[in-house]
Amino acid sequence: MHLTELRDVPLARLLVVAGHVTGQRWNRYLAEAHGLTQAGMVTLMTLAEHGELPHRTVAERCFVRPATLTGIVDTLVRDGLVERQRDTADRRSVKIAITTAGQARVEAVTAMIRSGAPLTSVDADPAKAAVIREFLLEVIGNGDQATPEGGPAC
């Protein structure tokens, strides 16, 4: 779909499309620049914030099932970003710890996030960015409320 065709799309649907496109770009950036998936990044950031944690606790904090986390951690271990460590008190329990390389990866992603680099020429303008921010926060804050038409906002 061309941008000229999108000009006639209702704002709520446009917001959904923008979110989808932005998510795809973010995932591509994580993969190409940092060798991470979204799930891998969340896992690393959880460990960077909370330190060494049991596998089940990491899964809970990342909102995934322990079985799902196993594959994510396998990839992170392969890439040298985390380590599995047997709990000395309970050998059945496995803890996951971030490595120095994993911490460096988190710092690189965090620096990019905090850089404030604009996504477009519109949000490069502080006044326009403030309006966009206010709009998005209101949309997010009203997420459980129905639209005036009574249907979903998409």
N, C-alpha and C. Protein backbone atom coordinates (compact mmCIF):
# COMPACT_ATOMS: atom_id res chain seq x y z
N MET A 1 0.84 -1.17 0.00
CA MET A 1 0.00 0.00 0.00
C MET A 1 0.89 1.24 0.00
N HIS A 2 0.59 2.19 -0.83
CA HIS A 2 1.37 3.41 -0.94
C HIS A 2 0.92 4.43 0.10
N LEU A 3 1.81 5.33 0.45
CA LEU A 3 1.48 6.35 1.44
C LEU A 3 0.29 7.20 1.01
N THR A 4 0.16 7.46 -0.29
CA THR A 4 -0.97 8.27 -0.76
C THR A 4 -2.29 7.56 -0.50
N GLU A 5 -2.31 6.23 -0.59
CA GLU A 5 -3.51 5.47 -0.29
C GLU A 5 -3.80 5.46 1.21
N LEU A 6 -2.75 5.52 2.03
CA LEU A 6 -2.92 5.50 3.47
C LEU A 6 -3.50 6.80 4.02
N ARG A 7 -3.41 7.87 3.28
CA ARG A 7 -3.93 9.16 3.74
C ARG A 7 -5.43 9.11 4.04
N ASP A 8 -6.16 8.21 3.39
CA ASP A 8 -7.61 8.11 3.59
C ASP A 8 -8.01 7.06 4.63
N VAL A 9 -7.05 6.37 5.19
CA VAL A 9 -7.33 5.33 6.18
C VAL A 9 -7.66 6.01 7.52
N PRO A 10 -8.66 5.50 8.25
CA PRO A 10 -8.98 6.09 9.56
C PRO A 10 -7.76 6.09 10.48
N LEU A 11 -7.68 7.09 11.34
CA LEU A 11 -6.52 7.29 12.21
C LEU A 11 -6.21 6.06 13.06
N ALA A 12 -7.24 5.43 13.63
CA ALA A 12 -7.00 4.27 14.48
C ALA A 12 -6.32 3.14 13.69
N ARG A 13 -6.77 2.90 12.47
CA ARG A 13 -6.15 1.86 11.64
C ARG A 13 -4.73 2.26 11.26
N LEU A 14 -4.52 3.52 10.99
CA LEU A 14 -3.19 4.03 10.68
C LEU A 14 -2.23 3.78 11.85
N LEU A 15 -2.73 3.97 13.05
CA LEU A 15 -1.93 3.73 14.25
C LEU A 15 -1.51 2.26 14.34
N VAL A 16 -2.43 1.35 14.02
CA VAL A 16 -2.13 -0.08 14.03
C VAL A 16 -1.05 -0.40 12.99
N VAL A 17 -1.19 0.14 11.80
CA VAL A 17 -0.20 -0.09 10.74
C VAL A 17 1.16 0.47 11.15
N ALA A 18 1.17 1.67 11.72
CA ALA A 18 2.43 2.29 12.16
C ALA A 18 3.10 1.45 13.23
N GLY A 19 2.31 0.93 14.17
CA GLY A 19 2.87 0.07 15.21
C GLY A 19 3.48 -1.20 14.64
N HIS A 20 2.79 -1.79 13.68
CA HIS A 20 3.29 -3.01 13.04
C HIS A 20 4.61 -2.74 12.30
N VAL A 21 4.63 -1.68 11.51
CA VAL A 21 5.83 -1.34 10.74
C VAL A 21 6.99 -1.01 11.68
N THR A 22 6.71 -0.25 12.73
CA THR A 22 7.75 0.11 13.69
C THR A 22 8.29 -1.13 14.39
N GLY A 23 7.40 -2.06 14.75
CA GLY A 23 7.84 -3.31 15.37
C GLY A 23 8.74 -4.12 14.46
N GLN A 24 8.39 -4.19 13.18
CA GLN A 24 9.22 -4.91 12.22
C GLN A 24 10.60 -4.25 12.09
N ARG A 25 10.62 -2.94 12.02
CA ARG A 25 11.90 -2.22 11.91
C ARG A 25 12.75 -2.45 13.15
N TRP A 26 12.13 -2.41 14.34
CA TRP A 26 12.85 -2.62 15.59
C TRP A 26 13.45 -4.03 15.62
N ASN A 27 12.66 -5.02 15.25
CA ASN A 27 13.17 -6.39 15.25
C ASN A 27 14.31 -6.58 14.26
N ARG A 28 14.19 -5.95 13.11
CA ARG A 28 15.27 -6.02 12.11
C ARG A 28 16.54 -5.34 12.64
N TYR A 29 16.38 -4.18 13.28
CA TYR A 29 17.52 -3.48 13.88
C TYR A 29 18.19 -4.35 14.94
N LEU A 30 17.40 -4.93 15.85
CA LEU A 30 17.98 -5.79 16.90
C LEU A 30 18.77 -6.94 16.28
N ALA A 31 18.22 -7.56 15.25
CA ALA A 31 18.87 -8.70 14.62
C ALA A 31 20.15 -8.28 13.90
N GLU A 32 20.07 -7.22 13.11
CA GLU A 32 21.21 -6.82 12.29
C GLU A 32 22.31 -6.12 13.09
N ALA A 33 21.94 -5.25 14.00
CA ALA A 33 22.94 -4.48 14.73
C ALA A 33 23.44 -5.17 15.99
N HIS A 34 22.61 -6.04 16.58
CA HIS A 34 22.98 -6.61 17.87
C HIS A 34 22.87 -8.13 17.93
N GLY A 35 22.40 -8.76 16.85
CA GLY A 35 22.28 -10.21 16.83
C GLY A 35 21.28 -10.74 17.85
N LEU A 36 20.23 -9.98 18.11
CA LEU A 36 19.25 -10.36 19.12
C LEU A 36 17.85 -10.42 18.55
N THR A 37 17.03 -11.25 19.16
CA THR A 37 15.60 -11.20 18.94
C THR A 37 15.00 -10.33 20.04
N GLN A 38 13.74 -9.97 19.89
CA GLN A 38 13.05 -9.21 20.93
C GLN A 38 13.07 -10.01 22.25
N ALA A 39 12.78 -11.29 22.17
CA ALA A 39 12.76 -12.14 23.37
C ALA A 39 14.15 -12.22 24.01
N GLY A 40 15.17 -12.32 23.19
CA GLY A 40 16.54 -12.35 23.71
C GLY A 40 16.91 -11.06 24.40
N MET A 41 16.50 -9.93 23.81
CA MET A 41 16.80 -8.64 24.41
C MET A 41 16.09 -8.49 25.76
N VAL A 42 14.83 -8.88 25.82
CA VAL A 42 14.08 -8.78 27.07
C VAL A 42 14.73 -9.65 28.15
N THR A 43 15.16 -10.84 27.77
CA THR A 43 15.82 -11.74 28.72
C THR A 43 17.11 -11.11 29.23
N LEU A 44 17.92 -10.57 28.34
CA LEU A 44 19.17 -9.93 28.76
C LEU A 44 18.90 -8.73 29.67
N MET A 45 17.92 -7.93 29.31
CA MET A 45 17.61 -6.74 30.13
C MET A 45 17.09 -7.13 31.51
N THR A 46 16.34 -8.22 31.57
CA THR A 46 15.86 -8.71 32.86
C THR A 46 17.03 -9.13 33.73
N LEU A 47 17.96 -9.87 33.16
CA LEU A 47 19.13 -10.32 33.92
C LEU A 47 20.04 -9.15 34.28
N ALA A 48 20.17 -8.18 33.39
CA ALA A 48 21.00 -7.01 33.68
C ALA A 48 20.42 -6.23 34.86
N GLU A 49 19.10 -6.17 34.94
CA GLU A 49 18.45 -5.41 36.01
C GLU A 49 18.42 -6.15 37.34
N HIS A 50 18.18 -7.47 37.29
CA HIS A 50 17.94 -8.22 38.52
C HIS A 50 19.08 -9.16 38.91
N GLY A 51 20.07 -9.31 38.06
CA GLY A 51 21.16 -10.23 38.36
C GLY A 51 20.78 -11.67 38.09
N GLU A 52 21.60 -12.58 38.58
CA GLU A 52 21.41 -14.02 38.39
C GLU A 52 20.06 -14.43 38.98
N LEU A 53 19.29 -15.18 38.18
CA LEU A 53 17.96 -15.60 38.60
C LEU A 53 17.69 -17.04 38.20
N PRO A 54 16.81 -17.72 38.95
CA PRO A 54 16.39 -19.06 38.52
C PRO A 54 15.64 -18.99 37.19
N HIS A 55 15.75 -20.05 36.42
CA HIS A 55 15.13 -20.13 35.10
C HIS A 55 13.65 -19.75 35.16
N ARG A 56 12.92 -20.32 36.10
CA ARG A 56 11.49 -20.07 36.21
C ARG A 56 11.19 -18.59 36.49
N THR A 57 12.00 -17.95 37.31
CA THR A 57 11.81 -16.53 37.63
C THR A 57 12.05 -15.67 36.39
N VAL A 58 13.06 -16.00 35.61
CA VAL A 58 13.32 -15.25 34.38
C VAL A 58 12.12 -15.39 33.44
N ALA A 59 11.61 -16.59 33.31
CA ALA A 59 10.45 -16.83 32.44
C ALA A 59 9.27 -15.98 32.90
N GLU A 60 9.01 -15.96 34.19
CA GLU A 60 7.89 -15.16 34.72
C GLU A 60 8.09 -13.68 34.43
N ARG A 61 9.29 -13.18 34.63
CA ARG A 61 9.55 -11.75 34.43
C ARG A 61 9.55 -11.36 32.96
N CYS A 62 9.78 -12.34 32.09
CA CYS A 62 9.76 -12.09 30.65
C CYS A 62 8.40 -12.45 30.03
N PHE A 63 7.47 -12.90 30.85
CA PHE A 63 6.11 -13.26 30.41
C PHE A 63 6.11 -14.35 29.34
N VAL A 64 6.97 -15.37 29.56
CA VAL A 64 6.99 -16.55 28.69
C VAL A 64 6.95 -17.79 29.57
N ARG A 65 6.64 -18.91 28.96
CA ARG A 65 6.66 -20.18 29.68
C ARG A 65 8.12 -20.62 29.85
N PRO A 66 8.39 -21.35 30.93
CA PRO A 66 9.77 -21.86 31.12
C PRO A 66 10.29 -22.64 29.91
N ALA A 67 9.42 -23.44 29.28
CA ALA A 67 9.85 -24.21 28.10
C ALA A 67 10.23 -23.29 26.94
N THR A 68 9.51 -22.19 26.79
CA THR A 68 9.83 -21.22 25.73
C THR A 68 11.16 -20.56 26.02
N LEU A 69 11.39 -20.24 27.29
CA LEU A 69 12.64 -19.57 27.68
C LEU A 69 13.85 -20.46 27.39
N THR A 70 13.68 -21.77 27.46
CA THR A 70 14.81 -22.68 27.22
C THR A 70 15.46 -22.41 25.86
N GLY A 71 14.66 -22.28 24.82
CA GLY A 71 15.22 -22.00 23.48
C GLY A 71 15.87 -20.64 23.40
N ILE A 72 15.27 -19.66 24.05
CA ILE A 72 15.84 -18.30 24.05
C ILE A 72 17.20 -18.33 24.74
N VAL A 73 17.26 -19.00 25.89
CA VAL A 73 18.52 -19.08 26.64
C VAL A 73 19.55 -19.91 25.88
N ASP A 74 19.12 -20.96 25.20
CA ASP A 74 20.06 -21.76 24.39
C ASP A 74 20.80 -20.85 23.40
N THR A 75 20.06 -19.98 22.74
CA THR A 75 20.66 -19.06 21.77
C THR A 75 21.60 -18.08 22.45
N LEU A 76 21.17 -17.53 23.58
CA LEU A 76 22.01 -16.57 24.30
C LEU A 76 23.28 -17.22 24.85
N VAL A 77 23.17 -18.48 25.29
CA VAL A 77 24.36 -19.22 25.75
C VAL A 77 25.30 -19.45 24.58
N ARG A 78 24.74 -19.89 23.46
CA ARG A 78 25.55 -20.13 22.25
C ARG A 78 26.33 -18.89 21.86
N ASP A 79 25.69 -17.73 22.01
CA ASP A 79 26.33 -16.46 21.63
C ASP A 79 27.20 -15.87 22.74
N GLY A 80 27.31 -16.56 23.86
CA GLY A 80 28.17 -16.11 24.96
C GLY A 80 27.60 -14.94 25.76
N LEU A 81 26.28 -14.77 25.72
CA LEU A 81 25.67 -13.61 26.37
C LEU A 81 25.12 -13.94 27.76
N VAL A 82 24.82 -15.22 28.02
CA VAL A 82 24.40 -15.67 29.34
C VAL A 82 25.04 -17.01 29.63
N GLU A 83 25.00 -17.39 30.91
CA GLU A 83 25.50 -18.69 31.34
C GLU A 83 24.43 -19.36 32.19
N ARG A 84 24.35 -20.68 32.08
CA ARG A 84 23.52 -21.46 32.99
C ARG A 84 24.41 -21.91 34.13
N GLN A 85 23.88 -21.81 35.34
CA GLN A 85 24.65 -22.23 36.51
C GLN A 85 23.76 -23.09 37.40
N ARG A 86 24.26 -24.24 37.78
CA ARG A 86 23.52 -25.11 38.71
C ARG A 86 23.53 -24.47 40.08
N ASP A 87 22.38 -24.48 40.73
CA ASP A 87 22.26 -23.96 42.09
C ASP A 87 23.00 -24.93 43.01
N THR A 88 23.95 -24.45 43.77
CA THR A 88 24.74 -25.33 44.64
C THR A 88 23.89 -25.94 45.75
N ALA A 89 22.83 -25.27 46.15
CA ALA A 89 21.95 -25.79 47.20
C ALA A 89 20.97 -26.83 46.65
N ASP A 90 20.61 -26.70 45.38
CA ASP A 90 19.64 -27.61 44.75
C ASP A 90 20.09 -27.85 43.31
N ARG A 91 20.77 -28.94 43.07
CA ARG A 91 21.35 -29.22 41.75
C ARG A 91 20.30 -29.32 40.65
N ARG A 92 19.02 -29.52 41.02
CA ARG A 92 17.96 -29.58 40.01
C ARG A 92 17.63 -28.19 39.49
N SER A 93 17.93 -27.19 40.26
CA SER A 93 17.60 -25.81 39.90
C SER A 93 18.73 -25.18 39.09
N VAL A 94 18.34 -24.50 38.03
CA VAL A 94 19.32 -23.83 37.16
C VAL A 94 19.10 -22.33 37.26
N LYS A 95 20.18 -21.62 37.46
CA LYS A 95 20.12 -20.16 37.46
C LYS A 95 20.74 -19.67 36.16
N ILE A 96 20.30 -18.51 35.75
CA ILE A 96 20.81 -17.90 34.53
C ILE A 96 21.49 -16.60 34.91
N ALA A 97 22.68 -16.39 34.39
CA ALA A 97 23.45 -15.18 34.69
C ALA A 97 23.92 -14.53 33.39
N ILE A 98 23.89 -13.23 33.37
CA ILE A 98 24.38 -12.49 32.21
C ILE A 98 25.91 -12.46 32.24
N THR A 99 26.52 -12.55 31.07
CA THR A 99 27.98 -12.48 30.98
C THR A 99 28.40 -11.04 30.72
N THR A 100 29.69 -10.81 30.73
CA THR A 100 30.22 -9.47 30.41
C THR A 100 29.81 -9.07 29.00
N ALA A 101 29.86 -10.02 28.07
CA ALA A 101 29.44 -9.73 26.69
C ALA A 101 27.95 -9.40 26.63
N GLY A 102 27.15 -10.11 27.41
CA GLY A 102 25.72 -9.83 27.46
C GLY A 102 25.44 -8.45 28.03
N GLN A 103 26.18 -8.10 29.07
CA GLN A 103 26.02 -6.77 29.68
C GLN A 103 26.40 -5.68 28.67
N ALA A 104 27.44 -5.90 27.91
CA ALA A 104 27.84 -4.92 26.88
C ALA A 104 26.76 -4.78 25.82
N ARG A 105 26.12 -5.88 25.45
CA ARG A 105 25.04 -5.85 24.46
C ARG A 105 23.86 -5.04 24.99
N VAL A 106 23.52 -5.25 26.26
CA VAL A 106 22.42 -4.49 26.88
C VAL A 106 22.76 -3.00 26.89
N GLU A 107 23.99 -2.67 27.24
CA GLU A 107 24.40 -1.26 27.28
C GLU A 107 24.33 -0.63 25.90
N ALA A 108 24.70 -1.36 24.86
CA ALA A 108 24.63 -0.82 23.50
C ALA A 108 23.19 -0.57 23.07
N VAL A 109 22.29 -1.52 23.35
CA VAL A 109 20.88 -1.34 22.99
C VAL A 109 20.28 -0.20 23.80
N THR A 110 20.58 -0.16 25.09
CA THR A 110 20.06 0.89 25.96
C THR A 110 20.53 2.27 25.52
N ALA A 111 21.78 2.38 25.12
CA ALA A 111 22.31 3.66 24.65
C ALA A 111 21.55 4.13 23.41
N MET A 112 21.24 3.19 22.50
CA MET A 112 20.50 3.56 21.31
C MET A 112 19.09 4.01 21.68
N ILE A 113 18.45 3.29 22.58
CA ILE A 113 17.09 3.64 23.00
C ILE A 113 17.06 5.03 23.62
N ARG A 114 18.04 5.32 24.46
CA ARG A 114 18.08 6.60 25.17
C ARG A 114 18.65 7.75 24.35
N SER A 115 19.12 7.45 23.15
CA SER A 115 19.73 8.49 22.32
C SER A 115 18.73 9.56 21.90
N GLY A 116 17.47 9.18 21.88
CA GLY A 116 16.45 10.14 21.47
C GLY A 116 16.46 10.45 19.99
N ALA A 117 17.10 9.59 19.21
CA ALA A 117 17.15 9.81 17.76
C ALA A 117 15.72 9.77 17.20
N PRO A 118 15.33 10.79 16.46
CA PRO A 118 13.96 10.82 15.92
C PRO A 118 13.75 9.72 14.89
N LEU A 119 12.49 9.25 14.83
CA LEU A 119 12.12 8.25 13.84
C LEU A 119 11.81 8.88 12.49
N THR A 120 11.30 10.12 12.53
CA THR A 120 10.90 10.81 11.31
C THR A 120 11.26 12.29 11.42
N SER A 121 11.05 13.00 10.32
CA SER A 121 11.28 14.45 10.35
C SER A 121 10.23 15.14 11.22
N VAL A 122 9.06 14.54 11.39
CA VAL A 122 8.01 15.14 12.21
C VAL A 122 8.40 15.13 13.68
N ASP A 123 8.85 13.97 14.20
CA ASP A 123 9.19 13.94 15.62
C ASP A 123 10.57 14.54 15.91
N ALA A 124 11.26 14.99 14.88
CA ALA A 124 12.50 15.74 15.09
C ALA A 124 12.19 17.15 15.61
N ASP A 125 10.97 17.60 15.38
CA ASP A 125 10.52 18.90 15.87
C ASP A 125 9.98 18.69 17.29
N PRO A 126 10.61 19.29 18.31
CA PRO A 126 10.19 19.06 19.70
C PRO A 126 8.71 19.36 19.95
N ALA A 127 8.16 20.40 19.34
CA ALA A 127 6.75 20.73 19.56
C ALA A 127 5.84 19.63 18.99
N LYS A 128 6.17 19.17 17.79
CA LYS A 128 5.38 18.10 17.19
C LYS A 128 5.56 16.79 17.95
N ALA A 129 6.77 16.53 18.39
CA ALA A 129 7.04 15.31 19.16
C ALA A 129 6.22 15.30 20.44
N ALA A 130 6.05 16.47 21.08
CA ALA A 130 5.25 16.55 22.30
C ALA A 130 3.79 16.21 22.03
N VAL A 131 3.26 16.66 20.91
CA VAL A 131 1.87 16.36 20.55
C VAL A 131 1.73 14.86 20.26
N ILE A 132 2.67 14.30 19.54
CA ILE A 132 2.64 12.87 19.23
C ILE A 132 2.71 12.06 20.52
N ARG A 133 3.62 12.44 21.42
CA ARG A 133 3.77 11.74 22.70
C ARG A 133 2.46 11.80 23.50
N GLU A 134 1.86 12.97 23.58
CA GLU A 134 0.60 13.12 24.31
C GLU A 134 -0.49 12.23 23.71
N PHE A 135 -0.58 12.23 22.39
CA PHE A 135 -1.56 11.40 21.69
C PHE A 135 -1.35 9.92 22.00
N LEU A 136 -0.11 9.45 21.86
CA LEU A 136 0.18 8.04 22.08
C LEU A 136 -0.08 7.63 23.52
N LEU A 137 0.30 8.47 24.47
CA LEU A 137 0.05 8.15 25.87
C LEU A 137 -1.45 8.08 26.16
N GLU A 138 -2.22 8.95 25.55
CA GLU A 138 -3.66 8.90 25.74
C GLU A 138 -4.25 7.64 25.10
N VAL A 139 -3.79 7.29 23.92
CA VAL A 139 -4.27 6.06 23.27
C VAL A 139 -3.94 4.85 24.15
N ILE A 140 -2.73 4.78 24.64
CA ILE A 140 -2.31 3.67 25.50
C ILE A 140 -3.12 3.67 26.79
N GLY A 141 -3.29 4.82 27.38
CA GLY A 141 -4.03 4.93 28.64
C GLY A 141 -5.49 4.59 28.51
N ASN A 142 -6.07 4.78 27.35
CA ASN A 142 -7.48 4.48 27.11
C ASN A 142 -7.67 3.13 26.44
N GLY A 143 -6.65 2.30 26.49
CA GLY A 143 -6.67 1.02 25.77
C GLY A 143 -7.82 0.10 26.10
N ASP A 144 -8.37 0.17 27.31
CA ASP A 144 -9.47 -0.73 27.68
C ASP A 144 -10.84 -0.14 27.36
N GLN A 145 -10.86 1.10 26.95
CA GLN A 145 -12.14 1.74 26.66
C GLN A 145 -12.51 1.54 25.20
N ALA A 146 -13.79 1.40 24.94
CA ALA A 146 -14.25 1.23 23.56
C ALA A 146 -14.15 2.56 22.82
N THR A 147 -14.06 2.49 21.52
CA THR A 147 -14.05 3.69 20.69
C THR A 147 -15.46 4.29 20.68
N PRO A 148 -15.61 5.55 20.26
CA PRO A 148 -16.94 6.15 20.22
C PRO A 148 -17.94 5.32 19.42
N GLU A 149 -17.48 4.62 18.41
CA GLU A 149 -18.38 3.80 17.59
C GLU A 149 -18.72 2.49 18.31
N GLY A 150 -18.06 2.22 19.42
CA GLY A 150 -18.33 1.00 20.18
C GLY A 150 -17.55 -0.21 19.73
N GLY A 151 -16.69 -0.05 18.75
CA GLY A 151 -15.92 -1.18 18.25
C GLY A 151 -14.45 -1.04 18.60
N PRO A 152 -13.65 -1.99 18.20
CA PRO A 152 -12.22 -1.92 18.47
C PRO A 152 -11.57 -0.79 17.68
N ALA A 153 -10.45 -0.29 18.19
CA ALA A 153 -9.76 0.84 17.57
C ALA A 153 -8.79 0.39 16.49
N CYS A 154 -9.30 -0.35 15.49
CA CYS A 154 -8.41 -0.75 14.40
C CYS A 154 -9.07 -0.78 13.09
